[in-house]
Amino acid sequence: MSEIAAATSAARANALSDASLARIDREIAKYPPEWKQSAVMAALSIAQDERGWLSTETMDFVAGYLGMAPVAVYEVATFYNMYNLKPTGKHKLTICTCLPCGLQGSLDAADHLRNRLKVDFNETTPDGNFTLKEGECMGACAMAPVILVNNKRMCDYMSHEKIDALIKELGGE
């Protein structure tokens, strides 16, 4: 196989589905054509929804699709903790542990989560069902402790009982 054919084959393998590209195109359309790079956060979220995490190759594809330097995409993906730069469990649980939430019980809730799942932050349960992450401010300090499930669902006022019910609901023991 020629180098060009190999590169084309690799690019196709890292391409996103037509449905995801259509979603990205809708995000791009929200900006003037010369500002399409402004859709990078949405494009990364869409790519992550499809792939589960953002490999370097996926980020390179997004960069090419948006006409950006790959390093600019990497900067965005590494700055925000909502992006998964390595595979995670089926359910990523992110608990806010910043000071205001900590004062309202999130540190105790985090300890309960770690003990219940038998993993520490940035670890995944052996069954691959849960990854536990420590998050920064989610803008919901009055409702702490707050847990974000897969970057999509925010659970608030998380007592030990509510944490146990959430884990059970998501297929945990």
C-alpha atoms as a PDB file:
ATOM      1  CA  MET A   1       0.000   0.000   0.000  1.00  0.00           C
ATOM      2  CA  SER A   2       1.370   3.421  -0.897  1.00  0.00           C
ATOM      3  CA  GLU A   3       1.988   6.046   1.777  1.00  0.00           C
ATOM      4  CA  ILE A   4      -0.854   8.181   0.408  1.00  0.00           C
ATOM      5  CA  ALA A   5      -3.265   5.236   0.416  1.00  0.00           C
ATOM      6  CA  ALA A   6      -2.202   4.336   3.966  1.00  0.00           C
ATOM      7  CA  ALA A   7      -2.727   7.926   5.140  1.00  0.00           C
ATOM      8  CA  THR A   8      -6.146   8.084   3.447  1.00  0.00           C
ATOM      9  CA  SER A   9      -7.134   4.764   5.019  1.00  0.00           C
ATOM     10  CA  ALA A  10      -6.012   5.971   8.469  1.00  0.00           C
ATOM     11  CA  ALA A  11      -7.944   9.248   8.045  1.00  0.00           C
ATOM     12  CA  ARG A  12     -11.109   7.322   7.125  1.00  0.00           C
ATOM     13  CA  ALA A  13     -10.666   5.074  10.176  1.00  0.00           C
ATOM     14  CA  ASN A  14     -10.534   8.131  12.434  1.00  0.00           C
ATOM     15  CA  ALA A  15     -13.404   9.926  10.715  1.00  0.00           C
ATOM     16  CA  LEU A  16     -16.629  10.373  12.583  1.00  0.00           C
ATOM     17  CA  SER A  17     -19.981   9.032  11.448  1.00  0.00           C
ATOM     18  CA  ASP A  18     -22.148  11.012   9.060  1.00  0.00           C
ATOM     19  CA  ALA A  19     -24.579  11.673  11.926  1.00  0.00           C
ATOM     20  CA  SER A  20     -21.819  13.170  14.093  1.00  0.00           C
ATOM     21  CA  LEU A  21     -20.480  15.242  11.199  1.00  0.00           C
ATOM     22  CA  ALA A  22     -23.996  16.589  10.602  1.00  0.00           C
ATOM     23  CA  ARG A  23     -24.196  17.591  14.280  1.00  0.00           C
ATOM     24  CA  ILE A  24     -20.806  19.316  14.018  1.00  0.00           C
ATOM     25  CA  ASP A  25     -21.932  21.081  10.853  1.00  0.00           C
ATOM     26  CA  ARG A  26     -24.968  22.428  12.754  1.00  0.00           C
ATOM     27  CA  GLU A  27     -22.606  23.791  15.412  1.00  0.00           C
ATOM     28  CA  ILE A  28     -20.321  25.336  12.772  1.00  0.00           C
ATOM     29  CA  ALA A  29     -23.348  27.039  11.174  1.00  0.00           C
ATOM     30  CA  LYS A  30     -23.845  29.068  14.366  1.00  0.00           C
ATOM     31  CA  TYR A  31     -20.715  31.085  13.543  1.00  0.00           C
ATOM     32  CA  PRO A  32     -19.615  33.186  10.590  1.00  0.00           C
ATOM     33  CA  PRO A  33     -17.581  31.028   8.153  1.00  0.00           C
ATOM     34  CA  GLU A  34     -14.291  32.627   9.192  1.00  0.00           C
ATOM     35  CA  TRP A  35     -15.028  31.700  12.832  1.00  0.00           C
ATOM     36  CA  LYS A  36     -15.926  28.016  12.369  1.00  0.00           C
ATOM     37  CA  GLN A  37     -13.121  27.089  14.767  1.00  0.00           C
ATOM     38  CA  SER A  38     -15.360  28.473  17.524  1.00  0.00           C
ATOM     39  CA  ALA A  39     -17.279  25.197  17.283  1.00  0.00           C
ATOM     40  CA  VAL A  40     -14.286  23.255  18.636  1.00  0.00           C
ATOM     41  CA  MET A  41     -15.761  22.556  22.088  1.00  0.00           C
ATOM     42  CA  ALA A  42     -19.012  21.273  20.629  1.00  0.00           C
ATOM     43  CA  ALA A  43     -17.137  19.245  18.005  1.00  0.00           C
ATOM     44  CA  LEU A  44     -15.000  17.601  20.695  1.00  0.00           C
ATOM     45  CA  SER A  45     -18.101  16.785  22.753  1.00  0.00           C
ATOM     46  CA  ILE A  46     -19.791  15.241  19.726  1.00  0.00           C
ATOM     47  CA  ALA A  47     -16.676  13.218  18.894  1.00  0.00           C
ATOM     48  CA  GLN A  48     -16.442  12.050  22.499  1.00  0.00           C
ATOM     49  CA  ASP A  49     -20.127  11.072  22.512  1.00  0.00           C
ATOM     50  CA  GLU A  50     -19.460   8.842  19.506  1.00  0.00           C
ATOM     51  CA  ARG A  51     -16.082   7.417  20.519  1.00  0.00           C
ATOM     52  CA  GLY A  52     -16.304   7.483  24.326  1.00  0.00           C
ATOM     53  CA  TRP A  53     -12.995   9.349  24.592  1.00  0.00           C
ATOM     54  CA  LEU A  54     -10.700  11.580  22.544  1.00  0.00           C
ATOM     55  CA  SER A  55      -7.670   9.857  21.092  1.00  0.00           C
ATOM     56  CA  THR A  56      -4.967  11.965  19.473  1.00  0.00           C
ATOM     57  CA  GLU A  57      -6.169  10.691  16.106  1.00  0.00           C
ATOM     58  CA  THR A  58      -9.753  11.782  16.819  1.00  0.00           C
ATOM     59  CA  MET A  59      -8.566  15.219  17.923  1.00  0.00           C
ATOM     60  CA  ASP A  60      -6.443  15.440  14.767  1.00  0.00           C
ATOM     61  CA  PHE A  61      -9.520  14.642  12.691  1.00  0.00           C
ATOM     62  CA  VAL A  62     -11.530  17.373  14.469  1.00  0.00           C
ATOM     63  CA  ALA A  63      -8.674  19.814  13.906  1.00  0.00           C
ATOM     64  CA  GLY A  64      -8.614  19.033  10.191  1.00  0.00           C
ATOM     65  CA  TYR A  65     -12.387  19.247   9.923  1.00  0.00           C
ATOM     66  CA  LEU A  66     -12.402  22.689  11.558  1.00  0.00           C
ATOM     67  CA  GLY A  67      -9.280  23.907   9.767  1.00  0.00           C
ATOM     68  CA  MET A  68      -7.300  24.271  12.989  1.00  0.00           C
ATOM     69  CA  ALA A  69      -3.797  23.366  14.051  1.00  0.00           C
ATOM     70  CA  PRO A  70      -3.963  20.117  16.048  1.00  0.00           C
ATOM     71  CA  VAL A  71      -2.179  21.769  18.980  1.00  0.00           C
ATOM     72  CA  ALA A  72      -5.040  24.271  19.294  1.00  0.00           C
ATOM     73  CA  VAL A  73      -7.492  21.385  19.656  1.00  0.00           C
ATOM     74  CA  TYR A  74      -5.216  19.641  22.178  1.00  0.00           C
ATOM     75  CA  GLU A  75      -5.093  22.851  24.220  1.00  0.00           C
ATOM     76  CA  VAL A  76      -8.885  22.907  24.488  1.00  0.00           C
ATOM     77  CA  ALA A  77      -9.186  19.190  25.221  1.00  0.00           C
ATOM     78  CA  THR A  78      -6.538  19.265  27.959  1.00  0.00           C
ATOM     79  CA  PHE A  79      -7.819  22.460  29.590  1.00  0.00           C
ATOM     80  CA  TYR A  80     -11.367  21.288  30.306  1.00  0.00           C
ATOM     81  CA  ASN A  81     -11.926  18.236  32.490  1.00  0.00           C
ATOM     82  CA  MET A  82     -15.115  17.239  30.649  1.00  0.00           C
ATOM     83  CA  TYR A  83     -13.030  15.699  27.887  1.00  0.00           C
ATOM     84  CA  ASN A  84     -11.803  12.137  28.312  1.00  0.00           C
ATOM     85  CA  LEU A  85      -8.257  11.781  27.003  1.00  0.00           C
ATOM     86  CA  LYS A  86      -8.176   8.086  27.761  1.00  0.00           C
ATOM     87  CA  PRO A  87     -10.894   5.447  27.888  1.00  0.00           C
ATOM     88  CA  THR A  88     -13.221   5.662  30.868  1.00  0.00           C
ATOM     89  CA  GLY A  89     -15.765   3.382  32.415  1.00  0.00           C
ATOM     90  CA  LYS A  90     -19.298   3.203  31.109  1.00  0.00           C
ATOM     91  CA  HIS A  91     -20.305   5.815  33.689  1.00  0.00           C
ATOM     92  CA  LYS A  92     -17.956   8.674  34.522  1.00  0.00           C
ATOM     93  CA  LEU A  93     -18.858  10.150  37.904  1.00  0.00           C
ATOM     94  CA  THR A  94     -17.373  13.577  38.555  1.00  0.00           C
ATOM     95  CA  ILE A  95     -17.824  15.039  42.015  1.00  0.00           C
ATOM     96  CA  CYS A  96     -17.127  18.668  42.770  1.00  0.00           C
ATOM     97  CA  THR A  97     -14.597  18.971  45.596  1.00  0.00           C
ATOM     98  CA  CYS A  98     -13.839  22.689  45.525  1.00  0.00           C
ATOM     99  CA  LEU A  99     -13.990  24.609  48.805  1.00  0.00           C
ATOM    100  CA  PRO A 100     -17.628  25.776  48.821  1.00  0.00           C
ATOM    101  CA  CYS A 101     -18.878  22.273  47.993  1.00  0.00           C
ATOM    102  CA  GLY A 102     -16.388  20.752  50.403  1.00  0.00           C
ATOM    103  CA  LEU A 103     -17.859  22.866  53.177  1.00  0.00           C
ATOM    104  CA  GLN A 104     -21.284  21.490  52.272  1.00  0.00           C
ATOM    105  CA  GLY A 105     -20.327  17.832  52.447  1.00  0.00           C
ATOM    106  CA  SER A 106     -18.793  16.961  49.094  1.00  0.00           C
ATOM    107  CA  LEU A 107     -15.533  15.735  50.621  1.00  0.00           C
ATOM    108  CA  ASP A 108     -17.479  13.266  52.782  1.00  0.00           C
ATOM    109  CA  ALA A 109     -19.539  12.278  49.726  1.00  0.00           C
ATOM    110  CA  ALA A 110     -16.315  11.767  47.746  1.00  0.00           C
ATOM    111  CA  ASP A 111     -14.964   9.511  50.497  1.00  0.00           C
ATOM    112  CA  HIS A 112     -18.214   7.531  50.414  1.00  0.00           C
ATOM    113  CA  LEU A 113     -17.972   7.172  46.619  1.00  0.00           C
ATOM    114  CA  ARG A 114     -14.338   6.029  46.786  1.00  0.00           C
ATOM    115  CA  ASN A 115     -15.143   3.491  49.490  1.00  0.00           C
ATOM    116  CA  ARG A 116     -18.291   2.260  47.760  1.00  0.00           C
ATOM    117  CA  LEU A 117     -16.642   1.866  44.335  1.00  0.00           C
ATOM    118  CA  LYS A 118     -13.283   0.745  45.792  1.00  0.00           C
ATOM    119  CA  VAL A 119     -11.388   3.099  43.462  1.00  0.00           C
ATOM    120  CA  ASP A 120      -9.685   6.453  43.856  1.00  0.00           C
ATOM    121  CA  PHE A 121      -9.994   9.503  41.647  1.00  0.00           C
ATOM    122  CA  ASN A 122      -8.907   8.884  38.030  1.00  0.00           C
ATOM    123  CA  GLU A 123      -9.443   5.153  38.403  1.00  0.00           C
ATOM    124  CA  THR A 124     -11.974   2.795  36.865  1.00  0.00           C
ATOM    125  CA  THR A 125     -13.699  -0.090  38.602  1.00  0.00           C
ATOM    126  CA  PRO A 126     -12.429  -3.532  37.548  1.00  0.00           C
ATOM    127  CA  ASP A 127     -15.743  -4.258  35.783  1.00  0.00           C
ATOM    128  CA  GLY A 128     -15.325  -1.114  33.670  1.00  0.00           C
ATOM    129  CA  ASN A 129     -18.642   0.303  34.838  1.00  0.00           C
ATOM    130  CA  PHE A 130     -17.467   3.405  36.737  1.00  0.00           C
ATOM    131  CA  THR A 131     -14.662   5.945  36.481  1.00  0.00           C
ATOM    132  CA  LEU A 132     -14.373   8.394  39.364  1.00  0.00           C
ATOM    133  CA  LYS A 133     -13.185  11.935  38.670  1.00  0.00           C
ATOM    134  CA  GLU A 134     -12.639  14.952  40.857  1.00  0.00           C
ATOM    135  CA  GLY A 135     -14.153  18.099  39.397  1.00  0.00           C
ATOM    136  CA  GLU A 136     -13.905  21.790  39.950  1.00  0.00           C
ATOM    137  CA  CYS A 137     -16.763  24.233  40.304  1.00  0.00           C
ATOM    138  CA  MET A 138     -19.931  23.144  38.535  1.00  0.00           C
ATOM    139  CA  GLY A 139     -21.807  26.306  39.474  1.00  0.00           C
ATOM    140  CA  ALA A 140     -24.158  24.497  41.840  1.00  0.00           C
ATOM    141  CA  CYS A 141     -22.584  25.158  45.233  1.00  0.00           C
ATOM    142  CA  ALA A 142     -25.959  25.711  46.914  1.00  0.00           C
ATOM    143  CA  MET A 143     -26.961  22.166  45.929  1.00  0.00           C
ATOM    144  CA  ALA A 144     -23.783  20.388  47.044  1.00  0.00           C
ATOM    145  CA  PRO A 145     -22.678  17.679  47.059  1.00  0.00           C
ATOM    146  CA  VAL A 146     -23.001  17.574  43.266  1.00  0.00           C
ATOM    147  CA  ILE A 147     -22.119  14.642  40.992  1.00  0.00           C
ATOM    148  CA  LEU A 148     -22.017  14.909  37.222  1.00  0.00           C
ATOM    149  CA  VAL A 149     -22.783  11.652  35.373  1.00  0.00           C
ATOM    150  CA  ASN A 150     -21.098  11.323  31.963  1.00  0.00           C
ATOM    151  CA  ASN A 151     -20.906  15.122  31.610  1.00  0.00           C
ATOM    152  CA  LYS A 152     -24.649  15.162  30.894  1.00  0.00           C
ATOM    153  CA  ARG A 153     -26.659  14.659  34.069  1.00  0.00           C
ATOM    154  CA  MET A 154     -26.183  16.640  37.258  1.00  0.00           C
ATOM    155  CA  CYS A 155     -27.258  15.047  40.529  1.00  0.00           C
ATOM    156  CA  ASP A 156     -27.494  17.332  43.539  1.00  0.00           C
ATOM    157  CA  TYR A 157     -27.833  17.143  47.324  1.00  0.00           C
ATOM    158  CA  MET A 158     -26.047  13.782  47.146  1.00  0.00           C
ATOM    159  CA  SER A 159     -26.362  12.112  50.540  1.00  0.00           C
ATOM    160  CA  HIS A 160     -24.849   8.692  51.099  1.00  0.00           C
ATOM    161  CA  GLU A 161     -28.279   7.169  50.432  1.00  0.00           C
ATOM    162  CA  LYS A 162     -28.684   9.072  47.148  1.00  0.00           C
ATOM    163  CA  ILE A 163     -25.161   8.049  46.080  1.00  0.00           C
ATOM    164  CA  ASP A 164     -25.951   4.406  46.819  1.00  0.00           C
ATOM    165  CA  ALA A 165     -29.219   4.674  44.835  1.00  0.00           C
ATOM    166  CA  LEU A 166     -27.383   6.298  41.896  1.00  0.00           C
ATOM    167  CA  ILE A 167     -24.753   3.551  41.820  1.00  0.00           C
ATOM    168  CA  LYS A 168     -27.499   0.903  41.920  1.00  0.00           C
ATOM    169  CA  GLU A 169     -29.443   2.680  39.146  1.00  0.00           C
ATOM    170  CA  LEU A 170     -26.331   2.761  36.937  1.00  0.00           C
ATOM    171  CA  GLY A 171     -25.752  -0.953  37.343  1.00  0.00           C
ATOM    172  CA  GLY A 172     -23.443  -1.049  40.324  1.00  0.00           C
ATOM    173  CA  GLU A 173     -23.637  -3.444  43.229  1.00  0.00           C
END
